Amino acid sequence: MAEIEEEIDVSYKVSDMISGGYDLHVHTSPDIVDRLMDALELREEATKAGIKGILIKSHVFETASVSYIVNKAGSGTELFGSIALNYTVGGLNPYAVEAAVRLGAREVFLPTYSSKNHLLRYGKERKIFPYPLPKETDGLSIIDDRGSIKKEVYEITSIASSYGAIVGTGHIHPLESKRLIEEIGGKGDIKILITHPLSPIIQMPIDLLKDLAKRRNVWAEFTYLSCTPTLEPHISCEDTAKAIRLIGIENTILSTDLGQPYNISPVKGLALFVEKLMEAGVRREDLIRITHENPENLLGS
């Protein structure tokens, strides 16, 4: 524990780099699983660090309403809401998407724990993801039985785009993300964020990620959680730095995906992530761009 605390203290040497920056992937309470802090506590800590904006994610409900209430508490870090299209909101449900974006949600995640890819990797094991699932399900896919992208996905991306919201790939299979980006990405103003592609849930081949992240209005998200030993197999910050340099910074963002009670806080995690990537050779100016300018452009703020 002493070693961890020492790392956290060192991380605040880069506080000027995260000040004014964003984290577009954080978990808070209220939730149906334990979280490290609630949305108000997160905002208080983030405001002290000078973070400009944080997007809150829940696997089970939309978070735009929570963000709205917390933002009313006063000036400081702006919280943004999202929705993940799991069974708890009706799966690939355009009506849930429309309600969420009208409430102010800035990202629509395709299925996460309910996705076919997730269940293929984890099964219905409830220790890590103890969320409601139908007794008989193979999980949700964006591809129908004929091999085509489901019409609901076209509706969902169209609705998200019309409100300027991001479409996150969630936990769908890398080849599903490829189909989504090739067939829907680049049309109109649809913005697609490839959700933690190097995480053990996704494990997107780096060559595929490099190709997809070059496309118009497509971004790649690298998360600190994917680098922690709380996930196996995890990727090192050194390998993450190599991936960032290979893909390029133009359409890259950093997030933490933190909020678990056994991990450090998202604010400290963002600072530590930036520090470790800088130690691994990512230039300071590039880190500022992928924590400040790129997420702000992606949000449309």
Protein backbone atom coordinates (compact mmCIF):
# COMPACT_ATOMS: atom_id res chain seq x y z
CA MET A 1 0.00 0.00 0.00
CA ALA A 2 2.88 2.37 0.80
CA GLU A 3 4.21 1.87 -2.73
CA ILE A 4 0.83 2.73 -4.23
CA GLU A 5 0.50 5.84 -2.08
CA GLU A 6 3.98 6.95 -3.17
CA GLU A 7 3.00 6.57 -6.84
CA ILE A 8 -0.14 8.62 -6.26
CA ASP A 9 1.82 11.43 -4.62
CA VAL A 10 4.28 11.52 -7.51
CA SER A 11 1.40 11.71 -9.96
CA TYR A 12 0.48 15.17 -8.77
CA LYS A 13 3.66 16.49 -10.39
CA VAL A 14 1.61 16.44 -13.60
CA SER A 15 -1.37 18.22 -12.08
CA ASP A 16 -0.90 21.11 -14.50
CA MET A 17 -1.32 18.65 -17.37
CA ILE A 18 -4.66 17.26 -16.24
CA SER A 19 -5.96 20.67 -15.23
CA GLY A 20 -8.31 21.74 -18.01
CA GLY A 21 -8.51 18.17 -19.29
CA TYR A 22 -11.24 15.54 -19.57
CA ASP A 23 -11.96 11.97 -18.57
CA LEU A 24 -14.73 10.49 -20.72
CA HIS A 25 -15.15 7.15 -18.94
CA VAL A 26 -15.79 7.05 -15.18
CA HIS A 27 -18.07 4.91 -12.99
CA THR A 28 -19.78 6.37 -9.90
CA SER A 29 -22.57 5.57 -7.52
CA PRO A 30 -25.50 5.40 -7.47
CA ASP A 31 -25.12 1.97 -9.05
CA ILE A 32 -26.21 -1.58 -8.29
CA VAL A 33 -22.58 -2.49 -7.59
CA ASP A 34 -20.15 -0.84 -5.17
CA ARG A 35 -18.36 2.23 -6.46
CA LEU A 36 -15.52 4.22 -4.93
CA MET A 37 -17.46 7.48 -4.77
CA ASP A 38 -20.69 9.07 -5.83
CA ALA A 39 -21.01 11.62 -8.62
CA LEU A 40 -20.96 14.59 -6.25
CA GLU A 41 -17.80 13.39 -4.48
CA LEU A 42 -16.14 12.80 -7.84
CA ARG A 43 -17.02 16.28 -9.02
CA GLU A 44 -15.62 17.85 -5.84
CA GLU A 45 -12.29 16.06 -6.25
CA ALA A 46 -12.13 16.78 -9.98
CA THR A 47 -12.88 20.47 -9.44
CA LYS A 48 -9.97 20.76 -7.01
CA ALA A 49 -7.70 19.25 -9.67
CA GLY A 50 -9.00 21.68 -12.28
CA ILE A 51 -10.44 18.98 -14.55
CA LYS A 52 -12.81 20.53 -17.05
CA GLY A 53 -15.17 17.65 -17.75
CA ILE A 54 -15.96 14.02 -16.85
CA LEU A 55 -18.36 11.64 -18.57
CA ILE A 56 -20.13 9.24 -16.21
CA LYS A 57 -20.97 5.73 -17.35
CA SER A 58 -23.31 3.16 -15.86
CA HIS A 59 -23.87 -0.31 -17.26
CA VAL A 60 -27.51 -0.28 -16.16
CA PHE A 61 -29.09 3.19 -16.56
CA GLU A 62 -28.69 6.58 -18.20
CA THR A 63 -26.57 9.05 -16.25
CA ALA A 64 -27.63 12.33 -17.86
CA SER A 65 -30.14 12.98 -15.10
CA VAL A 66 -27.55 12.40 -12.35
CA SER A 67 -25.10 14.68 -14.14
CA TYR A 68 -27.71 17.42 -14.45
CA ILE A 69 -28.47 17.42 -10.71
CA VAL A 70 -24.81 17.35 -9.67
CA ASN A 71 -23.90 20.16 -12.09
CA LYS A 72 -26.56 22.30 -10.39
CA ALA A 73 -24.49 22.17 -7.19
CA GLY A 74 -22.32 25.04 -8.41
CA SER A 75 -19.43 25.90 -10.68
CA GLY A 76 -16.61 23.43 -11.27
CA THR A 77 -15.99 20.30 -13.30
CA GLU A 78 -18.84 19.64 -15.73
CA LEU A 79 -20.29 16.14 -15.64
CA PHE A 80 -21.66 14.58 -18.79
CA GLY A 81 -24.14 11.71 -18.98
CA SER A 82 -24.33 8.59 -21.13
CA ILE A 83 -26.34 5.44 -21.70
CA ALA A 84 -25.16 1.85 -22.24
CA LEU A 85 -27.52 -0.26 -24.34
CA ASN A 86 -27.76 -3.33 -22.14
CA TYR A 87 -30.80 -5.41 -21.22
CA THR A 88 -31.68 -3.06 -18.37
CA VAL A 89 -32.65 -0.35 -20.89
CA GLY A 90 -34.10 -2.71 -23.47
CA GLY A 91 -30.89 -3.52 -25.33
CA LEU A 92 -30.58 -1.95 -28.79
CA ASN A 93 -33.47 0.35 -28.00
CA PRO A 94 -33.78 3.54 -30.08
CA TYR A 95 -36.47 4.88 -27.75
CA ALA A 96 -34.15 4.68 -24.74
CA VAL A 97 -31.47 6.42 -26.80
CA GLU A 98 -33.78 9.24 -27.81
CA ALA A 99 -34.87 9.78 -24.21
CA ALA A 100 -31.25 9.78 -22.98
CA VAL A 101 -29.91 12.25 -25.55
CA ARG A 102 -32.88 14.54 -25.01
CA LEU A 103 -31.97 14.50 -21.33
CA GLY A 104 -28.45 15.55 -22.32
CA ALA A 105 -26.48 12.28 -22.64
CA ARG A 106 -23.28 12.88 -24.60
CA GLU A 107 -22.40 9.24 -25.36
CA VAL A 108 -24.40 6.20 -26.38
CA PHE A 109 -22.50 3.00 -25.63
CA LEU A 110 -23.40 -0.08 -27.63
CA PRO A 111 -23.95 -3.15 -25.39
CA THR A 112 -21.33 -3.76 -22.73
CA TYR A 113 -21.92 -6.62 -20.26
CA SER A 114 -24.95 -7.72 -22.33
CA SER A 115 -22.98 -8.01 -25.59
CA LYS A 116 -22.42 -11.33 -27.31
CA ASN A 117 -18.68 -10.70 -27.25
CA HIS A 118 -18.69 -10.05 -23.50
CA LEU A 119 -20.62 -13.24 -22.75
CA LEU A 120 -18.34 -15.26 -25.03
CA ARG A 121 -15.34 -14.06 -23.02
CA TYR A 122 -16.81 -14.12 -19.52
CA GLY A 123 -19.92 -16.27 -19.75
CA LYS A 124 -22.55 -15.40 -17.18
CA GLU A 125 -19.97 -15.26 -14.41
CA ARG A 126 -21.41 -12.77 -11.95
CA LYS A 127 -18.40 -11.95 -9.78
CA ILE A 128 -17.01 -9.19 -12.01
CA PHE A 129 -20.24 -8.07 -13.72
CA PRO A 130 -23.17 -8.91 -11.39
CA TYR A 131 -25.80 -7.31 -13.60
CA PRO A 132 -29.26 -8.56 -14.66
CA LEU A 133 -29.28 -10.97 -17.61
CA PRO A 134 -32.01 -13.11 -19.15
CA LYS A 135 -31.71 -16.78 -18.19
CA GLU A 136 -31.41 -17.82 -21.82
CA THR A 137 -29.30 -15.46 -23.90
CA ASP A 138 -26.27 -15.53 -26.15
CA GLY A 139 -25.91 -11.79 -25.70
CA LEU A 140 -26.61 -8.82 -27.94
CA SER A 141 -24.94 -8.37 -31.30
CA ILE A 142 -25.23 -5.48 -33.75
CA ILE A 143 -25.32 -8.06 -36.58
CA ASP A 144 -28.55 -9.87 -37.48
CA ASP A 145 -29.01 -13.50 -38.54
CA ARG A 146 -28.49 -12.58 -42.20
CA GLY A 147 -25.12 -11.00 -41.47
CA SER A 148 -26.32 -7.42 -41.83
CA ILE A 149 -26.12 -4.60 -39.31
CA LYS A 150 -29.43 -4.45 -37.48
CA LYS A 151 -31.81 -1.70 -38.47
CA GLU A 152 -32.00 -0.60 -34.83
CA VAL A 153 -28.30 0.22 -34.96
CA TYR A 154 -28.87 2.55 -37.91
CA GLU A 155 -31.66 4.23 -35.94
CA ILE A 156 -29.55 4.51 -32.80
CA THR A 157 -26.56 6.04 -34.58
CA SER A 158 -28.81 8.44 -36.46
CA ILE A 159 -30.49 9.62 -33.26
CA ALA A 160 -27.15 10.02 -31.48
CA SER A 161 -25.74 11.97 -34.40
CA SER A 162 -28.74 14.29 -34.58
CA TYR A 163 -28.03 15.37 -30.98
CA GLY A 164 -24.25 15.51 -31.43
CA ALA A 165 -23.72 12.51 -29.12
CA ILE A 166 -20.84 10.05 -29.41
CA VAL A 167 -21.44 6.40 -30.30
CA GLY A 168 -19.18 4.23 -28.14
CA THR A 169 -18.50 0.67 -29.26
CA GLY A 170 -18.94 -0.70 -25.73
CA HIS A 171 -17.94 -4.36 -25.43
CA ILE A 172 -18.85 -5.52 -28.93
CA HIS A 173 -16.42 -7.73 -30.85
CA PRO A 174 -13.61 -6.00 -32.80
CA LEU A 175 -15.04 -7.33 -36.06
CA GLU A 176 -18.42 -5.84 -35.15
CA SER A 177 -16.70 -2.51 -34.58
CA LYS A 178 -15.05 -2.90 -37.98
CA ARG A 179 -18.42 -3.45 -39.66
CA LEU A 180 -19.95 -0.52 -37.79
CA ILE A 181 -17.18 1.86 -38.79
CA GLU A 182 -16.97 0.67 -42.39
CA GLU A 183 -20.72 0.79 -43.02
CA ILE A 184 -21.94 3.60 -40.76
CA GLY A 185 -18.89 5.58 -39.68
CA GLY A 186 -18.04 8.60 -41.75
CA LYS A 187 -21.64 9.14 -42.80
CA GLY A 188 -22.89 12.55 -41.83
CA ASP A 189 -21.70 13.65 -38.41
CA ILE A 190 -21.74 10.26 -36.67
CA LYS A 191 -18.88 10.21 -34.13
CA ILE A 192 -17.61 6.77 -33.13
CA LEU A 193 -15.36 6.16 -30.13
CA ILE A 194 -13.72 2.73 -29.97
CA THR A 195 -14.14 1.82 -26.31
CA HIS A 196 -10.96 0.58 -24.54
CA PRO A 197 -9.79 -1.50 -27.56
CA LEU A 198 -6.75 -2.90 -25.74
CA SER A 199 -8.69 -4.13 -22.71
CA PRO A 200 -9.01 -7.89 -22.06
CA ILE A 201 -12.69 -7.68 -22.99
CA ILE A 202 -11.92 -6.39 -26.49
CA GLN A 203 -8.29 -7.21 -27.41
CA MET A 204 -8.54 -5.50 -30.79
CA PRO A 205 -5.54 -6.30 -33.01
CA ILE A 206 -3.34 -3.23 -33.18
CA ASP A 207 -3.24 -3.21 -37.00
CA LEU A 208 -7.04 -3.16 -37.12
CA LEU A 209 -7.16 -0.39 -34.53
CA LYS A 210 -4.64 1.64 -36.51
CA ASP A 211 -6.75 1.27 -39.65
CA LEU A 212 -10.07 2.11 -37.99
CA ALA A 213 -8.74 5.09 -36.03
CA LYS A 214 -7.68 6.74 -39.31
CA ARG A 215 -11.28 6.94 -40.50
CA ARG A 216 -13.25 10.14 -40.46
CA ASN A 217 -14.93 10.90 -37.11
CA VAL A 218 -13.48 7.79 -35.44
CA TRP A 219 -11.50 7.99 -32.18
CA ALA A 220 -9.61 5.41 -30.13
CA GLU A 221 -9.86 5.42 -26.32
CA PHE A 222 -6.99 4.22 -24.14
CA THR A 223 -7.92 3.61 -20.50
CA TYR A 224 -5.86 3.43 -17.34
CA LEU A 225 -7.94 0.52 -16.02
CA SER A 226 -6.67 -1.61 -18.92
CA CYS A 227 -3.14 -1.07 -17.54
CA THR A 228 -3.90 -2.12 -13.96
CA PRO A 229 -3.42 -5.65 -12.57
CA THR A 230 -7.08 -5.62 -11.48
CA LEU A 231 -7.77 -6.73 -15.08
CA GLU A 232 -6.18 -9.81 -16.60
CA PRO A 233 -4.55 -9.91 -18.99
CA HIS A 234 -3.66 -6.24 -18.63
CA ILE A 235 -1.53 -4.15 -20.94
CA SER A 236 1.40 -2.14 -19.65
CA CYS A 237 1.59 1.63 -19.87
CA GLU A 238 4.72 1.13 -21.98
CA ASP A 239 2.77 -0.93 -24.54
CA THR A 240 -0.05 1.62 -24.41
CA ALA A 241 2.48 4.34 -25.21
CA LYS A 242 3.72 2.30 -28.17
CA ALA A 243 0.15 1.93 -29.41
CA ILE A 244 -0.46 5.67 -29.11
CA ARG A 245 2.68 6.44 -31.10
CA LEU A 246 1.75 3.84 -33.74
CA ILE A 247 -1.83 5.03 -34.15
CA GLY A 248 -1.06 8.73 -33.81
CA ILE A 249 -2.57 11.38 -31.58
CA GLU A 250 -5.00 12.94 -34.03
CA ASN A 251 -7.99 10.80 -33.02
CA THR A 252 -6.79 9.43 -29.68
CA ILE A 253 -8.11 10.17 -26.20
CA LEU A 254 -7.22 9.02 -22.67
CA SER A 255 -9.80 7.95 -20.11
CA THR A 256 -9.53 6.07 -16.83
CA ASP A 257 -12.56 3.71 -16.67
CA LEU A 258 -12.05 3.94 -12.90
CA GLY A 259 -14.52 4.10 -10.05
CA GLN A 260 -14.09 0.60 -8.66
CA PRO A 261 -13.76 0.51 -4.85
CA TYR A 262 -10.47 -1.42 -5.05
CA ASN A 263 -8.76 1.10 -7.36
CA ILE A 264 -7.52 4.65 -6.87
CA SER A 265 -9.82 7.55 -7.65
CA PRO A 266 -10.38 8.55 -11.29
CA VAL A 267 -8.70 11.93 -10.71
CA LYS A 268 -5.56 10.38 -9.25
CA GLY A 269 -5.71 7.66 -11.88
CA LEU A 270 -5.75 10.18 -14.72
CA ALA A 271 -2.73 11.98 -13.28
CA LEU A 272 -0.85 8.70 -12.79
CA PHE A 273 -1.74 7.52 -16.30
CA VAL A 274 -0.40 10.73 -17.83
CA GLU A 275 2.77 10.49 -15.78
CA LYS A 276 3.45 6.87 -16.73
CA LEU A 277 2.84 7.53 -20.41
CA MET A 278 5.20 10.49 -20.30
CA GLU A 279 7.83 8.28 -18.65
CA ALA A 280 7.21 5.75 -21.46
CA GLY A 281 8.08 8.36 -24.08
CA VAL A 282 4.82 10.07 -25.05
CA ARG A 283 5.57 13.75 -25.50
CA ARG A 284 4.13 16.25 -23.06
CA GLU A 285 2.46 18.28 -25.83
CA ASP A 286 0.86 15.11 -27.24
CA LEU A 287 -0.49 14.14 -23.82
CA ILE A 288 -2.03 17.58 -23.42
CA ARG A 289 -3.68 17.25 -26.81
CA ILE A 290 -5.19 13.80 -26.10
CA THR A 291 -6.46 14.82 -22.67
CA HIS A 292 -7.62 18.34 -23.57
CA GLU A 293 -8.25 19.19 -27.22
CA ASN A 294 -9.30 15.81 -28.61
CA PRO A 295 -11.96 14.94 -26.01
CA GLU A 296 -13.30 18.50 -26.16
CA ASN A 297 -13.64 18.21 -29.92
CA LEU A 298 -15.24 14.79 -29.57
CA LEU A 299 -17.78 16.10 -27.11
CA GLY A 300 -18.46 19.08 -29.31
CA SER A 301 -18.02 21.35 -26.28
